[in-house]
Amino acid sequence: MARIAIVDLEVHYCVGLTDEERAQPQRLLLTVDMTLDFSAAALTDRIEKTINYQKVVDELLAFGEKRNWKLIEKLVSNIADRILTEYEPESVFVEAKKFVIPQARYVAVAITRNKQR
């Protein structure tokens, strides 16, 4: 099994428990790690045989438009479900880093989901 990783993609989503926190998009860093067999893509050099990571990035950049979440746990779960459904990797790992605690570099929440067999 191989993997495609998008690391620390900067997005701006409305996330937070309070209405004030959700009033304006805030900076998050997303990491998405997808496992799949891309041996056919390696042999044929064809994008159709793998996951087009630019499409994933474009979707993630737009994912927060007109949406909001109270918890980043719900956000990473929604992203993982979407990637599994749309791009069909064997598994996906999604991590979101949020910068809300001044004494910490960041708070991170992560989830791994596997393809249903």
N, C-alpha and C. Protein backbone atom coordinates (compact mmCIF):
# COMPACT_ATOMS: atom_id res chain seq x y z
N MET A 1 0.85 -1.18 0.00
CA MET A 1 0.00 0.00 0.00
C MET A 1 0.89 1.24 0.00
N ALA A 2 0.47 2.25 -0.71
CA ALA A 2 1.21 3.50 -0.82
C ALA A 2 0.36 4.62 -0.22
N ARG A 3 0.91 5.81 -0.19
CA ARG A 3 0.16 6.91 0.40
C ARG A 3 0.42 8.22 -0.34
N ILE A 4 -0.58 9.07 -0.28
CA ILE A 4 -0.48 10.44 -0.75
C ILE A 4 -0.80 11.32 0.45
N ALA A 5 0.08 12.27 0.74
CA ALA A 5 -0.12 13.13 1.90
C ALA A 5 -0.16 14.59 1.48
N ILE A 6 -1.10 15.31 2.03
CA ILE A 6 -1.18 16.76 1.92
C ILE A 6 -0.95 17.26 3.34
N VAL A 7 0.13 17.99 3.56
CA VAL A 7 0.55 18.32 4.92
C VAL A 7 0.42 19.82 5.19
N ASP A 8 -0.30 20.13 6.26
CA ASP A 8 -0.46 21.51 6.75
C ASP A 8 -1.01 22.47 5.69
N LEU A 9 -2.07 22.04 5.04
CA LEU A 9 -2.77 22.91 4.10
C LEU A 9 -3.50 24.00 4.89
N GLU A 10 -3.22 25.25 4.58
CA GLU A 10 -3.86 26.35 5.29
C GLU A 10 -5.25 26.61 4.71
N VAL A 11 -6.24 26.54 5.59
CA VAL A 11 -7.63 26.82 5.24
C VAL A 11 -8.18 27.80 6.25
N HIS A 12 -9.32 28.37 5.95
CA HIS A 12 -9.99 29.30 6.86
C HIS A 12 -11.44 28.86 6.98
N TYR A 13 -11.79 28.29 8.13
CA TYR A 13 -13.13 27.78 8.41
C TYR A 13 -13.66 28.42 9.68
N CYS A 14 -14.98 28.43 9.82
CA CYS A 14 -15.63 28.92 11.04
C CYS A 14 -15.83 27.73 11.97
N VAL A 15 -15.02 27.70 13.03
CA VAL A 15 -15.06 26.59 13.99
C VAL A 15 -14.96 27.17 15.39
N GLY A 16 -15.84 26.71 16.29
CA GLY A 16 -15.74 27.13 17.68
C GLY A 16 -17.05 26.93 18.42
N LEU A 17 -16.95 26.82 19.71
CA LEU A 17 -18.14 26.60 20.53
C LEU A 17 -19.06 27.81 20.57
N THR A 18 -18.49 28.99 20.63
CA THR A 18 -19.33 30.18 20.78
C THR A 18 -19.66 30.79 19.42
N ASP A 19 -20.75 31.55 19.40
CA ASP A 19 -21.14 32.27 18.18
C ASP A 19 -20.03 33.24 17.77
N GLU A 20 -19.41 33.88 18.77
CA GLU A 20 -18.32 34.82 18.48
C GLU A 20 -17.16 34.13 17.78
N GLU A 21 -16.82 32.93 18.25
CA GLU A 21 -15.69 32.21 17.65
C GLU A 21 -16.01 31.77 16.21
N ARG A 22 -17.27 31.47 15.97
CA ARG A 22 -17.69 31.04 14.63
C ARG A 22 -18.04 32.20 13.71
N ALA A 23 -18.02 33.43 14.21
CA ALA A 23 -18.45 34.59 13.42
C ALA A 23 -17.51 34.87 12.25
N GLN A 24 -16.23 34.59 12.42
CA GLN A 24 -15.24 34.85 11.37
C GLN A 24 -14.44 33.57 11.12
N PRO A 25 -14.11 33.30 9.88
CA PRO A 25 -13.25 32.14 9.60
C PRO A 25 -11.91 32.31 10.31
N GLN A 26 -11.39 31.21 10.81
CA GLN A 26 -10.08 31.24 11.45
C GLN A 26 -9.13 30.28 10.74
N ARG A 27 -7.88 30.57 10.88
CA ARG A 27 -6.84 29.77 10.23
C ARG A 27 -6.72 28.41 10.89
N LEU A 28 -6.74 27.38 10.05
CA LEU A 28 -6.49 26.00 10.47
C LEU A 28 -5.46 25.41 9.51
N LEU A 29 -4.73 24.44 9.98
CA LEU A 29 -3.85 23.67 9.10
C LEU A 29 -4.39 22.25 9.05
N LEU A 30 -4.63 21.76 7.84
CA LEU A 30 -5.14 20.40 7.64
C LEU A 30 -4.06 19.51 7.08
N THR A 31 -3.99 18.31 7.61
CA THR A 31 -3.16 17.26 7.03
C THR A 31 -4.08 16.12 6.65
N VAL A 32 -3.95 15.67 5.42
CA VAL A 32 -4.75 14.56 4.90
C VAL A 32 -3.77 13.54 4.34
N ASP A 33 -3.87 12.32 4.84
CA ASP A 33 -2.98 11.24 4.41
C ASP A 33 -3.87 10.10 3.91
N MET A 34 -3.76 9.77 2.63
CA MET A 34 -4.62 8.76 2.00
C MET A 34 -3.78 7.56 1.59
N THR A 35 -4.21 6.37 1.97
CA THR A 35 -3.52 5.16 1.54
C THR A 35 -4.30 4.54 0.39
N LEU A 36 -3.55 4.05 -0.60
CA LEU A 36 -4.16 3.46 -1.78
C LEU A 36 -3.09 2.69 -2.55
N ASP A 37 -3.54 1.92 -3.47
CA ASP A 37 -2.62 1.21 -4.36
C ASP A 37 -2.52 2.04 -5.64
N PHE A 38 -1.41 2.74 -5.82
CA PHE A 38 -1.27 3.53 -7.04
C PHE A 38 -0.25 2.91 -8.00
N SER A 39 -0.09 1.60 -7.92
CA SER A 39 0.85 0.93 -8.82
C SER A 39 0.45 1.09 -10.29
N ALA A 40 -0.85 1.09 -10.59
CA ALA A 40 -1.30 1.28 -11.98
C ALA A 40 -0.92 2.67 -12.47
N ALA A 41 -1.01 3.68 -11.60
CA ALA A 41 -0.61 5.03 -11.99
C ALA A 41 0.90 5.11 -12.22
N ALA A 42 1.66 4.41 -11.40
CA ALA A 42 3.12 4.40 -11.56
C ALA A 42 3.52 3.74 -12.88
N LEU A 43 2.78 2.71 -13.27
CA LEU A 43 3.08 2.02 -14.52
C LEU A 43 2.65 2.80 -15.76
N THR A 44 1.48 3.43 -15.67
CA THR A 44 0.90 4.06 -16.86
C THR A 44 1.16 5.56 -16.93
N ASP A 45 1.53 6.17 -15.81
CA ASP A 45 1.74 7.62 -15.75
C ASP A 45 0.45 8.37 -16.06
N ARG A 46 -0.69 7.81 -15.60
CA ARG A 46 -2.00 8.40 -15.86
C ARG A 46 -2.66 8.82 -14.56
N ILE A 47 -3.09 10.07 -14.50
CA ILE A 47 -3.71 10.62 -13.30
C ILE A 47 -5.01 9.90 -12.94
N GLU A 48 -5.68 9.33 -13.93
CA GLU A 48 -6.95 8.63 -13.68
C GLU A 48 -6.76 7.38 -12.82
N LYS A 49 -5.53 6.91 -12.69
CA LYS A 49 -5.25 5.68 -11.94
C LYS A 49 -4.84 5.96 -10.50
N THR A 50 -4.98 7.20 -10.06
CA THR A 50 -4.61 7.57 -8.70
C THR A 50 -5.57 8.63 -8.19
N ILE A 51 -5.28 9.19 -7.04
CA ILE A 51 -6.07 10.30 -6.51
C ILE A 51 -5.40 11.60 -6.92
N ASN A 52 -6.15 12.46 -7.55
CA ASN A 52 -5.64 13.75 -7.98
C ASN A 52 -5.60 14.67 -6.75
N TYR A 53 -4.42 14.82 -6.18
CA TYR A 53 -4.32 15.60 -4.94
C TYR A 53 -4.66 17.07 -5.13
N GLN A 54 -4.51 17.60 -6.35
CA GLN A 54 -4.92 18.99 -6.58
C GLN A 54 -6.43 19.14 -6.42
N LYS A 55 -7.19 18.14 -6.90
CA LYS A 55 -8.65 18.17 -6.71
C LYS A 55 -9.01 18.11 -5.24
N VAL A 56 -8.29 17.29 -4.48
CA VAL A 56 -8.53 17.20 -3.03
C VAL A 56 -8.26 18.56 -2.38
N VAL A 57 -7.14 19.17 -2.73
CA VAL A 57 -6.79 20.49 -2.18
C VAL A 57 -7.86 21.51 -2.53
N ASP A 58 -8.27 21.57 -3.78
CA ASP A 58 -9.30 22.53 -4.20
C ASP A 58 -10.58 22.33 -3.40
N GLU A 59 -10.96 21.08 -3.21
CA GLU A 59 -12.18 20.80 -2.44
C GLU A 59 -12.02 21.22 -0.98
N LEU A 60 -10.87 20.95 -0.38
CA LEU A 60 -10.64 21.34 1.01
C LEU A 60 -10.63 22.86 1.18
N LEU A 61 -10.07 23.58 0.22
CA LEU A 61 -10.04 25.04 0.31
C LEU A 61 -11.46 25.62 0.29
N ALA A 62 -12.37 24.98 -0.42
CA ALA A 62 -13.75 25.45 -0.52
C ALA A 62 -14.69 24.80 0.50
N PHE A 63 -14.23 23.78 1.20
CA PHE A 63 -15.08 22.97 2.08
C PHE A 63 -15.79 23.78 3.16
N GLY A 64 -15.17 24.82 3.65
CA GLY A 64 -15.74 25.59 4.75
C GLY A 64 -16.67 26.71 4.34
N GLU A 65 -16.82 26.94 3.05
CA GLU A 65 -17.68 28.03 2.59
C GLU A 65 -19.12 27.80 3.01
N LYS A 66 -19.69 28.81 3.67
CA LYS A 66 -21.09 28.78 4.11
C LYS A 66 -21.38 27.63 5.07
N ARG A 67 -20.34 27.18 5.80
CA ARG A 67 -20.51 26.10 6.78
C ARG A 67 -19.81 26.53 8.06
N ASN A 68 -20.24 25.92 9.17
CA ASN A 68 -19.51 26.11 10.41
C ASN A 68 -19.67 24.88 11.29
N TRP A 69 -18.74 24.74 12.20
CA TRP A 69 -18.71 23.61 13.13
C TRP A 69 -18.44 24.13 14.52
N LYS A 70 -19.05 23.51 15.51
CA LYS A 70 -18.73 23.84 16.90
C LYS A 70 -17.44 23.15 17.32
N LEU A 71 -17.25 21.91 16.87
CA LEU A 71 -16.10 21.11 17.30
C LEU A 71 -15.22 20.74 16.11
N ILE A 72 -13.91 20.79 16.29
CA ILE A 72 -13.03 20.32 15.23
C ILE A 72 -13.10 18.81 15.09
N GLU A 73 -13.58 18.13 16.13
CA GLU A 73 -13.82 16.69 16.02
C GLU A 73 -14.84 16.40 14.93
N LYS A 74 -15.90 17.19 14.88
CA LYS A 74 -16.92 17.03 13.84
C LYS A 74 -16.36 17.41 12.47
N LEU A 75 -15.56 18.46 12.42
CA LEU A 75 -14.94 18.89 11.17
C LEU A 75 -14.07 17.79 10.57
N VAL A 76 -13.15 17.22 11.34
CA VAL A 76 -12.26 16.19 10.78
C VAL A 76 -13.06 14.95 10.38
N SER A 77 -14.10 14.64 11.12
CA SER A 77 -14.97 13.52 10.75
C SER A 77 -15.66 13.78 9.42
N ASN A 78 -16.20 14.99 9.22
CA ASN A 78 -16.85 15.35 7.95
C ASN A 78 -15.88 15.29 6.78
N ILE A 79 -14.66 15.78 6.98
CA ILE A 79 -13.66 15.75 5.91
C ILE A 79 -13.29 14.31 5.56
N ALA A 80 -13.06 13.49 6.57
CA ALA A 80 -12.69 12.09 6.33
C ALA A 80 -13.79 11.37 5.56
N ASP A 81 -15.03 11.56 5.97
CA ASP A 81 -16.16 10.93 5.27
C ASP A 81 -16.23 11.38 3.82
N ARG A 82 -16.04 12.66 3.59
CA ARG A 82 -16.10 13.19 2.22
C ARG A 82 -15.01 12.61 1.34
N ILE A 83 -13.80 12.53 1.86
CA ILE A 83 -12.68 12.01 1.07
C ILE A 83 -12.88 10.52 0.78
N LEU A 84 -13.35 9.77 1.76
CA LEU A 84 -13.62 8.34 1.52
C LEU A 84 -14.67 8.16 0.43
N THR A 85 -15.71 8.96 0.49
CA THR A 85 -16.80 8.84 -0.48
C THR A 85 -16.38 9.28 -1.88
N GLU A 86 -15.71 10.42 -1.97
CA GLU A 86 -15.39 11.01 -3.27
C GLU A 86 -14.17 10.39 -3.95
N TYR A 87 -13.14 10.06 -3.17
CA TYR A 87 -11.86 9.65 -3.77
C TYR A 87 -11.52 8.17 -3.55
N GLU A 88 -12.24 7.51 -2.67
CA GLU A 88 -12.16 6.07 -2.43
C GLU A 88 -10.76 5.54 -2.11
N PRO A 89 -10.02 6.19 -1.21
CA PRO A 89 -8.77 5.57 -0.76
C PRO A 89 -9.09 4.38 0.14
N GLU A 90 -8.10 3.54 0.40
CA GLU A 90 -8.30 2.42 1.34
C GLU A 90 -8.54 2.95 2.75
N SER A 91 -7.80 4.00 3.11
CA SER A 91 -8.00 4.68 4.38
C SER A 91 -7.60 6.13 4.24
N VAL A 92 -8.09 6.94 5.18
CA VAL A 92 -7.73 8.36 5.20
C VAL A 92 -7.49 8.78 6.64
N PHE A 93 -6.45 9.56 6.83
CA PHE A 93 -6.13 10.19 8.11
C PHE A 93 -6.31 11.69 7.90
N VAL A 94 -7.06 12.32 8.79
CA VAL A 94 -7.27 13.77 8.71
C VAL A 94 -6.93 14.37 10.07
N GLU A 95 -6.11 15.41 10.03
CA GLU A 95 -5.76 16.14 11.24
C GLU A 95 -6.01 17.62 11.00
N ALA A 96 -6.61 18.29 11.99
CA ALA A 96 -6.80 19.74 11.94
C ALA A 96 -6.07 20.36 13.12
N LYS A 97 -5.29 21.39 12.83
CA LYS A 97 -4.59 22.14 13.86
C LYS A 97 -5.27 23.50 13.99
N LYS A 98 -5.58 23.85 15.24
CA LYS A 98 -6.27 25.11 15.53
C LYS A 98 -5.39 25.92 16.48
N PHE A 99 -5.35 27.23 16.30
CA PHE A 99 -4.43 28.09 17.03
C PHE A 99 -5.19 29.02 17.97
N VAL A 100 -5.74 28.45 19.05
CA VAL A 100 -6.62 29.22 19.93
C VAL A 100 -6.11 29.35 21.36
N ILE A 101 -5.11 28.60 21.73
CA ILE A 101 -4.58 28.66 23.08
C ILE A 101 -3.21 29.34 23.02
N PRO A 102 -3.12 30.55 23.55
CA PRO A 102 -1.87 31.30 23.43
C PRO A 102 -0.64 30.58 24.00
N GLN A 103 -0.83 29.77 25.01
CA GLN A 103 0.29 29.09 25.65
C GLN A 103 0.73 27.82 24.91
N ALA A 104 0.01 27.44 23.88
CA ALA A 104 0.33 26.23 23.11
C ALA A 104 0.57 26.60 21.66
N ARG A 105 1.43 25.86 21.01
CA ARG A 105 1.66 26.10 19.58
C ARG A 105 0.36 25.89 18.81
N TYR A 106 -0.36 24.81 19.10
CA TYR A 106 -1.66 24.54 18.50
C TYR A 106 -2.36 23.43 19.25
N VAL A 107 -3.64 23.26 18.96
CA VAL A 107 -4.42 22.12 19.41
C VAL A 107 -4.74 21.32 18.15
N ALA A 108 -4.59 20.01 18.22
CA ALA A 108 -4.85 19.17 17.04
C ALA A 108 -5.85 18.08 17.38
N VAL A 109 -6.69 17.80 16.41
CA VAL A 109 -7.63 16.67 16.49
C VAL A 109 -7.44 15.88 15.21
N ALA A 110 -7.39 14.55 15.33
CA ALA A 110 -7.15 13.70 14.17
C ALA A 110 -8.07 12.48 14.20
N ILE A 111 -8.33 11.96 13.02
CA ILE A 111 -9.15 10.76 12.88
C ILE A 111 -8.62 9.94 11.70
N THR A 112 -8.76 8.63 11.81
CA THR A 112 -8.46 7.73 10.70
C THR A 112 -9.72 6.95 10.39
N ARG A 113 -10.08 6.91 9.12
CA ARG A 113 -11.23 6.14 8.66
C ARG A 113 -10.78 5.18 7.57
N ASN A 114 -11.38 4.00 7.57
CA ASN A 114 -11.07 2.98 6.59
C ASN A 114 -12.27 2.76 5.67
N LYS A 115 -11.95 2.38 4.44
CA LYS A 115 -12.97 2.06 3.44
C LYS A 115 -13.81 0.89 3.95
N GLN A 116 -15.13 0.99 3.76
CA GLN A 116 -16.02 -0.10 4.12
C GLN A 116 -15.90 -1.21 3.09
N ARG A 117 -15.82 -2.41 3.53
CA ARG A 117 -15.67 -3.54 2.60
C ARG A 117 -16.97 -4.26 2.41
